Structure formats: C-alpha cells, structure tokens
C-alpha cells in the first residue's frame, strides 16, 4: 500500500467523508476502486456517471490536462 496526497475541494471531501462514515465504508477503498475501474481495459463506468463528472468539473476551476508535459 502506498500513501498518496491529493488536493480535493474541501466541501466535496467533507460530504464524501460524511457519506462514507454514515455507510460504514472506507473512503480510501472507494477511491482505489474508482481508479481500478478507470484502468480496466473495458471501463465499467456508466455514461451517466461520466456525464455527472463532466457537469461537476464544468462548475469548478479545473484545468484539463491530457499530457503531463502541458503543465511542466
């Protein structure tokens, strides 16, 4: 297991942390499952979820990075 640090919106983190606590699930495990899903050859992410992620990201001040060289 590796310890990594991510920058998250404080409100999103608080809400997800509360959700995980209420449902007795591990936040780290949920993030890990999401990443594993993204790495699968045929992603199981539903179109609705992708649309929701796009709506969320369009509301924030995010920078789309397709190549790490773009930000270096």
Protein backbone atom coordinates (compact mmCIF):
# COMPACT_ATOMS: atom_id res chain seq x y z
CA UNK A 1 0.00 0.00 0.00
CA UNK A 2 1.22 3.48 -0.88
CA UNK A 3 0.32 6.74 0.83
CA UNK A 4 -0.52 9.48 -1.69
CA UNK A 5 -1.76 13.02 -1.25
CA UNK A 6 -4.50 14.55 -3.41
CA UNK A 7 -5.92 18.05 -3.48
CA UNK A 8 -9.69 17.97 -3.11
CA UNK A 9 -12.33 20.60 -2.78
CA UNK A 10 -12.93 20.91 0.97
CA UNK A 11 -16.72 20.74 0.68
CA UNK A 12 -16.59 17.67 -1.57
CA UNK A 13 -14.18 15.97 0.84
CA UNK A 14 -16.39 16.77 3.82
CA UNK A 15 -19.53 15.46 2.14
CA UNK A 16 -17.87 12.28 0.87
CA UNK A 17 -16.22 11.68 4.23
CA UNK A 18 -19.61 12.04 5.93
CA UNK A 19 -21.22 9.73 3.38
CA UNK A 20 -18.55 7.07 3.92
CA UNK A 21 -18.85 7.35 7.70
CA UNK A 22 -22.65 7.05 7.57
CA UNK A 23 -22.47 3.97 5.35
CA UNK A 24 -19.52 2.35 7.14
CA UNK A 25 -17.29 2.32 4.08
CA UNK A 26 -13.65 3.21 3.63
CA UNK A 27 -13.03 6.41 1.68
CA UNK A 28 -9.62 5.12 0.60
CA UNK A 29 -11.14 1.90 -0.67
CA UNK A 30 -13.74 3.82 -2.68
CA UNK A 31 -11.03 5.94 -4.33
CA UNK A 32 -8.99 2.80 -5.01
CA UNK A 33 -12.00 1.07 -6.60
CA UNK A 34 -12.65 4.12 -8.79
CA UNK A 35 -9.05 4.14 -10.03
CA UNK A 36 -9.10 0.38 -10.67
CA UNK A 37 -12.28 0.82 -12.68
CA UNK A 38 -10.63 3.52 -14.79
CA UNK A 39 -7.68 1.24 -15.54
CA UNK A 40 -9.77 -1.69 -16.78
CA UNK A 41 -9.48 -2.38 -20.47
CA UNK A 42 -13.23 -2.04 -20.90
CA UNK A 43 -14.30 0.53 -18.34
CA UNK A 44 -17.47 -0.24 -16.39
CA UNK A 45 -18.13 3.43 -15.68
CA UNK A 46 -21.67 4.25 -16.71
CA UNK A 47 -22.32 7.06 -19.16
CA UNK A 48 -24.48 8.81 -16.54
CA UNK A 49 -21.55 8.88 -14.12
CA UNK A 50 -19.23 10.33 -16.74
CA UNK A 51 -21.84 12.99 -17.54
CA UNK A 52 -22.11 13.83 -13.85
CA UNK A 53 -18.31 14.13 -13.54
CA UNK A 54 -18.29 16.44 -16.57
CA UNK A 55 -21.04 18.61 -15.04
CA UNK A 56 -19.13 18.82 -11.75
CA UNK A 57 -15.84 19.69 -13.42
CA UNK A 58 -17.50 22.35 -15.60
CA UNK A 59 -18.63 24.18 -12.44
CA UNK A 60 -15.17 24.30 -10.88
CA UNK A 61 -11.95 25.97 -11.85
CA UNK A 62 -10.21 22.92 -13.25
CA UNK A 63 -7.60 22.62 -15.96
CA UNK A 64 -7.93 19.71 -18.37
CA UNK A 65 -4.53 18.04 -18.75
CA UNK A 66 -4.13 15.38 -21.40
CA UNK A 67 -0.36 15.24 -21.24
CA UNK A 68 1.87 15.88 -18.22
CA UNK A 69 4.19 17.91 -20.47
CA UNK A 70 1.40 20.51 -20.81
CA UNK A 71 1.83 21.55 -17.19
CA UNK A 72 5.61 21.29 -16.89
